[in-house]
Amino acid sequence: MPTPTKGARLGGSPAHERMMLANLATSLFRHGKITTTETKARRLRPLAEQLITKAKRGDLHSRRRVLTVVRDKDVVFELFDQIAPRYANRNGGYTRIVKTGPRKGDAAPMAIIELVEELVVAAPPAKAAKKTARKAAAQQDKVEALAPAEDEPTPASKVDDEAETDATPEASDADAPGADDKVKD
């Protein structure tokens, strides 16, 4: 006698339960999130996580194993080529269940199960940006220290510039600031 799985049977036979979970998984991968009852969401979560883990492997055997559950080839293609690479750095926890209010007709507890969108990054982007900026500044300082200064005038031209400024006549009292303030009688 086969041992029943943990949790509610979700009404009907084991074959019906497998097909229902397969349809829920297909919808989850197609739309990114679905609304269902809490019980179905809890039963779907381990199946969806296993399918994503198989898709992360990416080999032919994994693709065939996923095709035994998810029968839609377009959804399997999307799972392997778009969904699985998002979770390359993540070891599990690909789905999230959020409880919502009871269903209006029969007051069944409802939940939203969705694929987690945020990515796990090795280093926070702010620290990485600061580190990159620091490296770029250090590299620029090295380049400036090694390169000859071409923009600075030579010492002979500095002397000529000082001589020209000394030759200019002094400003008259009329040009002085505050000259307009004097009242003429």
C-alpha atoms as a PDB file:
ATOM      1  CA  MET A   1       0.000   0.000   0.000  1.00  0.00           C
ATOM      2  CA  PRO A   2       1.526   3.386  -0.965  1.00  0.00           C
ATOM      3  CA  THR A   3       2.133   5.843   1.829  1.00  0.00           C
ATOM      4  CA  PRO A   4       0.060   9.007   1.383  1.00  0.00           C
ATOM      5  CA  THR A   5       1.877  12.297   1.203  1.00  0.00           C
ATOM      6  CA  LYS A   6       1.809  14.663   4.136  1.00  0.00           C
ATOM      7  CA  GLY A   7      -0.968  17.181   4.287  1.00  0.00           C
ATOM      8  CA  ALA A   8      -4.440  17.318   2.861  1.00  0.00           C
ATOM      9  CA  ARG A   9      -5.298  15.161  -0.150  1.00  0.00           C
ATOM     10  CA  LEU A  10      -6.969  18.168  -1.796  1.00  0.00           C
ATOM     11  CA  GLY A  11     -10.055  16.113  -2.593  1.00  0.00           C
ATOM     12  CA  GLY A  12     -10.062  13.244  -5.039  1.00  0.00           C
ATOM     13  CA  SER A  13      -7.534  10.609  -5.912  1.00  0.00           C
ATOM     14  CA  PRO A  14      -3.737  10.809  -5.877  1.00  0.00           C
ATOM     15  CA  ALA A  15      -3.713  11.139  -9.666  1.00  0.00           C
ATOM     16  CA  HIS A  16      -6.103  14.080  -9.447  1.00  0.00           C
ATOM     17  CA  GLU A  17      -3.879  15.702  -6.834  1.00  0.00           C
ATOM     18  CA  ARG A  18      -0.775  15.289  -9.032  1.00  0.00           C
ATOM     19  CA  MET A  19      -2.537  16.835 -12.015  1.00  0.00           C
ATOM     20  CA  MET A  20      -3.889  19.707  -9.935  1.00  0.00           C
ATOM     21  CA  LEU A  21      -0.430  20.516  -8.570  1.00  0.00           C
ATOM     22  CA  ALA A  22       1.058  20.234 -12.062  1.00  0.00           C
ATOM     23  CA  ASN A  23      -1.503  22.729 -13.365  1.00  0.00           C
ATOM     24  CA  LEU A  24      -0.822  25.075 -10.449  1.00  0.00           C
ATOM     25  CA  ALA A  25       2.943  24.865 -11.099  1.00  0.00           C
ATOM     26  CA  THR A  26       2.414  25.578 -14.792  1.00  0.00           C
ATOM     27  CA  SER A  27       0.328  28.648 -13.970  1.00  0.00           C
ATOM     28  CA  LEU A  28       2.868  29.824 -11.397  1.00  0.00           C
ATOM     29  CA  PHE A  29       5.743  29.660 -13.883  1.00  0.00           C
ATOM     30  CA  ARG A  30       3.674  31.250 -16.652  1.00  0.00           C
ATOM     31  CA  HIS A  31       2.342  34.199 -14.630  1.00  0.00           C
ATOM     32  CA  GLY A  32       4.885  34.597 -11.808  1.00  0.00           C
ATOM     33  CA  LYS A  33       2.193  34.548  -9.107  1.00  0.00           C
ATOM     34  CA  ILE A  34      -1.196  32.966  -8.581  1.00  0.00           C
ATOM     35  CA  THR A  35      -3.999  33.212  -6.045  1.00  0.00           C
ATOM     36  CA  THR A  36      -5.224  29.941  -4.568  1.00  0.00           C
ATOM     37  CA  THR A  37      -6.200  28.454  -1.216  1.00  0.00           C
ATOM     38  CA  GLU A  38      -3.596  28.288   1.535  1.00  0.00           C
ATOM     39  CA  THR A  39      -3.616  24.483   1.514  1.00  0.00           C
ATOM     40  CA  LYS A  40      -2.957  24.264  -2.209  1.00  0.00           C
ATOM     41  CA  ALA A  41      -0.233  26.915  -1.954  1.00  0.00           C
ATOM     42  CA  ARG A  42       1.501  24.984   0.831  1.00  0.00           C
ATOM     43  CA  ARG A  43       1.346  21.770  -1.210  1.00  0.00           C
ATOM     44  CA  LEU A  44       2.566  23.556  -4.358  1.00  0.00           C
ATOM     45  CA  ARG A  45       5.595  25.220  -2.773  1.00  0.00           C
ATOM     46  CA  PRO A  46       7.880  22.134  -2.453  1.00  0.00           C
ATOM     47  CA  LEU A  47       6.999  20.983  -5.963  1.00  0.00           C
ATOM     48  CA  ALA A  48       7.771  24.400  -7.474  1.00  0.00           C
ATOM     49  CA  GLU A  49      11.063  24.617  -5.556  1.00  0.00           C
ATOM     50  CA  GLN A  50      12.118  21.164  -6.808  1.00  0.00           C
ATOM     51  CA  LEU A  51      11.288  22.082 -10.394  1.00  0.00           C
ATOM     52  CA  ILE A  52      13.324  25.299 -10.199  1.00  0.00           C
ATOM     53  CA  THR A  53      16.250  23.395  -8.690  1.00  0.00           C
ATOM     54  CA  LYS A  54      16.121  20.916 -11.568  1.00  0.00           C
ATOM     55  CA  ALA A  55      15.914  23.781 -14.054  1.00  0.00           C
ATOM     56  CA  LYS A  56      19.034  25.346 -12.516  1.00  0.00           C
ATOM     57  CA  ARG A  57      21.005  22.212 -13.493  1.00  0.00           C
ATOM     58  CA  GLY A  58      20.017  22.835 -17.096  1.00  0.00           C
ATOM     59  CA  ASP A  59      20.908  19.410 -18.530  1.00  0.00           C
ATOM     60  CA  LEU A  60      18.751  17.217 -20.749  1.00  0.00           C
ATOM     61  CA  HIS A  61      17.835  14.774 -17.993  1.00  0.00           C
ATOM     62  CA  SER A  62      16.554  17.624 -15.793  1.00  0.00           C
ATOM     63  CA  ARG A  63      14.546  19.032 -18.683  1.00  0.00           C
ATOM     64  CA  ARG A  64      12.898  15.641 -19.246  1.00  0.00           C
ATOM     65  CA  ARG A  65      12.126  15.285 -15.530  1.00  0.00           C
ATOM     66  CA  VAL A  66      10.465  18.716 -15.513  1.00  0.00           C
ATOM     67  CA  LEU A  67       8.495  17.826 -18.655  1.00  0.00           C
ATOM     68  CA  THR A  68       6.903  14.890 -16.797  1.00  0.00           C
ATOM     69  CA  VAL A  69       5.267  17.400 -14.454  1.00  0.00           C
ATOM     70  CA  VAL A  70       4.859  20.557 -16.541  1.00  0.00           C
ATOM     71  CA  ARG A  71       3.455  19.457 -19.894  1.00  0.00           C
ATOM     72  CA  ASP A  72       3.597  22.859 -21.630  1.00  0.00           C
ATOM     73  CA  LYS A  73       6.877  23.126 -23.568  1.00  0.00           C
ATOM     74  CA  ASP A  74       6.706  26.938 -23.718  1.00  0.00           C
ATOM     75  CA  VAL A  75       6.528  27.125 -19.918  1.00  0.00           C
ATOM     76  CA  VAL A  76       9.422  24.655 -19.581  1.00  0.00           C
ATOM     77  CA  PHE A  77      11.486  26.771 -21.988  1.00  0.00           C
ATOM     78  CA  GLU A  78      10.685  29.889 -19.943  1.00  0.00           C
ATOM     79  CA  LEU A  79      11.545  28.040 -16.717  1.00  0.00           C
ATOM     80  CA  PHE A  80      14.955  26.915 -17.975  1.00  0.00           C
ATOM     81  CA  ASP A  81      15.956  30.060 -19.887  1.00  0.00           C
ATOM     82  CA  GLN A  82      14.450  32.914 -17.857  1.00  0.00           C
ATOM     83  CA  ILE A  83      13.394  31.828 -14.376  1.00  0.00           C
ATOM     84  CA  ALA A  84      16.240  29.480 -13.366  1.00  0.00           C
ATOM     85  CA  PRO A  85      19.108  31.913 -14.208  1.00  0.00           C
ATOM     86  CA  ARG A  86      17.563  34.494 -11.854  1.00  0.00           C
ATOM     87  CA  TYR A  87      18.166  32.101  -8.964  1.00  0.00           C
ATOM     88  CA  ALA A  88      21.703  30.980  -9.899  1.00  0.00           C
ATOM     89  CA  ASN A  89      23.156  32.401  -6.645  1.00  0.00           C
ATOM     90  CA  ARG A  90      20.258  31.338  -4.444  1.00  0.00           C
ATOM     91  CA  ASN A  91      20.018  27.997  -2.649  1.00  0.00           C
ATOM     92  CA  GLY A  92      16.294  27.504  -2.205  1.00  0.00           C
ATOM     93  CA  GLY A  93      13.532  29.847  -1.119  1.00  0.00           C
ATOM     94  CA  TYR A  94      12.378  30.649  -4.645  1.00  0.00           C
ATOM     95  CA  THR A  95       8.712  31.132  -3.722  1.00  0.00           C
ATOM     96  CA  ARG A  96       6.788  33.244  -1.227  1.00  0.00           C
ATOM     97  CA  ILE A  97       3.322  32.624   0.210  1.00  0.00           C
ATOM     98  CA  VAL A  98       1.336  35.674   1.321  1.00  0.00           C
ATOM     99  CA  LYS A  99      -1.960  35.063   3.095  1.00  0.00           C
ATOM    100  CA  THR A 100      -4.947  37.115   1.976  1.00  0.00           C
ATOM    101  CA  GLY A 101      -8.488  37.332   3.295  1.00  0.00           C
ATOM    102  CA  PRO A 102     -11.098  34.578   3.119  1.00  0.00           C
ATOM    103  CA  ARG A 103     -12.848  33.796  -0.155  1.00  0.00           C
ATOM    104  CA  LYS A 104     -16.271  35.403  -0.438  1.00  0.00           C
ATOM    105  CA  GLY A 105     -18.266  32.309  -1.431  1.00  0.00           C
ATOM    106  CA  ASP A 106     -17.168  29.712   1.116  1.00  0.00           C
ATOM    107  CA  ALA A 107     -14.813  31.654   3.416  1.00  0.00           C
ATOM    108  CA  ALA A 108     -11.869  29.437   2.438  1.00  0.00           C
ATOM    109  CA  PRO A 109      -8.529  30.957   3.515  1.00  0.00           C
ATOM    110  CA  MET A 110      -6.794  32.313   0.409  1.00  0.00           C
ATOM    111  CA  ALA A 111      -3.130  32.977  -0.313  1.00  0.00           C
ATOM    112  CA  ILE A 112      -0.932  34.330  -3.079  1.00  0.00           C
ATOM    113  CA  ILE A 113       2.064  32.219  -4.035  1.00  0.00           C
ATOM    114  CA  GLU A 114       4.662  34.049  -6.091  1.00  0.00           C
ATOM    115  CA  LEU A 115       8.203  33.716  -7.328  1.00  0.00           C
ATOM    116  CA  VAL A 116      10.670  35.771  -5.316  1.00  0.00           C
ATOM    117  CA  GLU A 117      12.026  38.569  -7.498  1.00  0.00           C
ATOM    118  CA  GLU A 118      15.017  39.962  -5.626  1.00  0.00           C
ATOM    119  CA  LEU A 119      18.422  38.519  -6.382  1.00  0.00           C
ATOM    120  CA  VAL A 120      21.040  37.505  -3.864  1.00  0.00           C
ATOM    121  CA  VAL A 121      24.179  39.543  -4.582  1.00  0.00           C
ATOM    122  CA  ALA A 122      27.603  38.621  -3.218  1.00  0.00           C
ATOM    123  CA  ALA A 123      28.526  42.209  -2.291  1.00  0.00           C
ATOM    124  CA  PRO A 124      26.092  45.085  -1.808  1.00  0.00           C
ATOM    125  CA  PRO A 125      26.141  47.416  -4.809  1.00  0.00           C
ATOM    126  CA  ALA A 126      26.897  50.509  -2.702  1.00  0.00           C
ATOM    127  CA  LYS A 127      30.096  48.997  -1.310  1.00  0.00           C
ATOM    128  CA  ALA A 128      31.104  47.725  -4.726  1.00  0.00           C
ATOM    129  CA  ALA A 129      30.571  51.181  -6.245  1.00  0.00           C
ATOM    130  CA  LYS A 130      32.650  52.850  -3.519  1.00  0.00           C
ATOM    131  CA  LYS A 131      35.400  50.291  -3.952  1.00  0.00           C
ATOM    132  CA  THR A 132      35.430  50.787  -7.723  1.00  0.00           C
ATOM    133  CA  ALA A 133      35.491  54.575  -7.331  1.00  0.00           C
ATOM    134  CA  ARG A 134      38.366  54.313  -4.857  1.00  0.00           C
ATOM    135  CA  LYS A 135      40.354  52.125  -7.253  1.00  0.00           C
ATOM    136  CA  ALA A 136      39.695  54.515 -10.144  1.00  0.00           C
ATOM    137  CA  ALA A 137      40.831  57.501  -8.051  1.00  0.00           C
ATOM    138  CA  ALA A 138      44.014  55.693  -7.013  1.00  0.00           C
ATOM    139  CA  GLN A 139      44.729  54.796 -10.643  1.00  0.00           C
ATOM    140  CA  GLN A 140      44.153  58.422 -11.713  1.00  0.00           C
ATOM    141  CA  ASP A 141      46.554  59.650  -9.005  1.00  0.00           C
ATOM    142  CA  LYS A 142      49.231  57.254 -10.270  1.00  0.00           C
ATOM    143  CA  VAL A 143      48.743  58.454 -13.848  1.00  0.00           C
ATOM    144  CA  GLU A 144      48.968  62.114 -12.806  1.00  0.00           C
ATOM    145  CA  ALA A 145      52.106  61.484 -10.751  1.00  0.00           C
ATOM    146  CA  LEU A 146      53.879  59.729 -13.630  1.00  0.00           C
ATOM    147  CA  ALA A 147      52.784  62.060 -16.446  1.00  0.00           C
ATOM    148  CA  PRO A 148      54.709  65.333 -16.986  1.00  0.00           C
ATOM    149  CA  ALA A 149      52.746  68.450 -16.251  1.00  0.00           C
ATOM    150  CA  GLU A 150      52.234  70.095 -19.678  1.00  0.00           C
ATOM    151  CA  ASP A 151      49.641  72.673 -18.667  1.00  0.00           C
ATOM    152  CA  GLU A 152      51.846  74.513 -16.173  1.00  0.00           C
ATOM    153  CA  PRO A 153      53.819  77.480 -17.602  1.00  0.00           C
ATOM    154  CA  THR A 154      57.605  77.335 -17.598  1.00  0.00           C
ATOM    155  CA  PRO A 155      59.515  79.454 -15.079  1.00  0.00           C
ATOM    156  CA  ALA A 156      60.616  81.917 -17.811  1.00  0.00           C
ATOM    157  CA  SER A 157      57.022  82.611 -18.825  1.00  0.00           C
ATOM    158  CA  LYS A 158      56.074  83.207 -15.169  1.00  0.00           C
ATOM    159  CA  VAL A 159      58.661  85.982 -14.971  1.00  0.00           C
ATOM    160  CA  ASP A 160      57.325  87.567 -18.170  1.00  0.00           C
ATOM    161  CA  ASP A 161      53.758  87.474 -16.843  1.00  0.00           C
ATOM    162  CA  GLU A 162      54.821  89.235 -13.625  1.00  0.00           C
ATOM    163  CA  ALA A 163      56.615  91.943 -15.581  1.00  0.00           C
ATOM    164  CA  GLU A 164      53.510  92.646 -17.666  1.00  0.00           C
ATOM    165  CA  THR A 165      51.285  92.996 -14.618  1.00  0.00           C
ATOM    166  CA  ASP A 166      53.730  95.483 -13.039  1.00  0.00           C
ATOM    167  CA  ALA A 167      53.697  97.643 -16.182  1.00  0.00           C
ATOM    168  CA  THR A 168      49.963  98.273 -16.079  1.00  0.00           C
ATOM    169  CA  PRO A 169      48.921 101.657 -14.653  1.00  0.00           C
ATOM    170  CA  GLU A 170      47.261 101.875 -11.295  1.00  0.00           C
ATOM    171  CA  ALA A 171      43.511 102.231 -11.196  1.00  0.00           C
ATOM    172  CA  SER A 172      42.215 105.769 -10.707  1.00  0.00           C
ATOM    173  CA  ASP A 173      40.111 106.875  -7.761  1.00  0.00           C
ATOM    174  CA  ALA A 174      37.039 106.942 -10.012  1.00  0.00           C
ATOM    175  CA  ASP A 175      37.424 103.226 -10.640  1.00  0.00           C
ATOM    176  CA  ALA A 176      37.778 102.444  -6.956  1.00  0.00           C
ATOM    177  CA  PRO A 177      34.869 100.735  -5.282  1.00  0.00           C
ATOM    178  CA  GLY A 178      32.588 103.090  -3.494  1.00  0.00           C
ATOM    179  CA  ALA A 179      33.442 106.034  -5.787  1.00  0.00           C
ATOM    180  CA  ASP A 180      29.826 106.282  -6.873  1.00  0.00           C
ATOM    181  CA  ASP A 181      28.750 106.666  -3.268  1.00  0.00           C
ATOM    182  CA  LYS A 182      30.428 110.059  -2.937  1.00  0.00           C
ATOM    183  CA  VAL A 183      28.025 112.948  -3.313  1.00  0.00           C
ATOM    184  CA  LYS A 184      29.224 115.753  -5.579  1.00  0.00           C
ATOM    185  CA  ASP A 185      28.416 119.350  -4.539  1.00  0.00           C
END
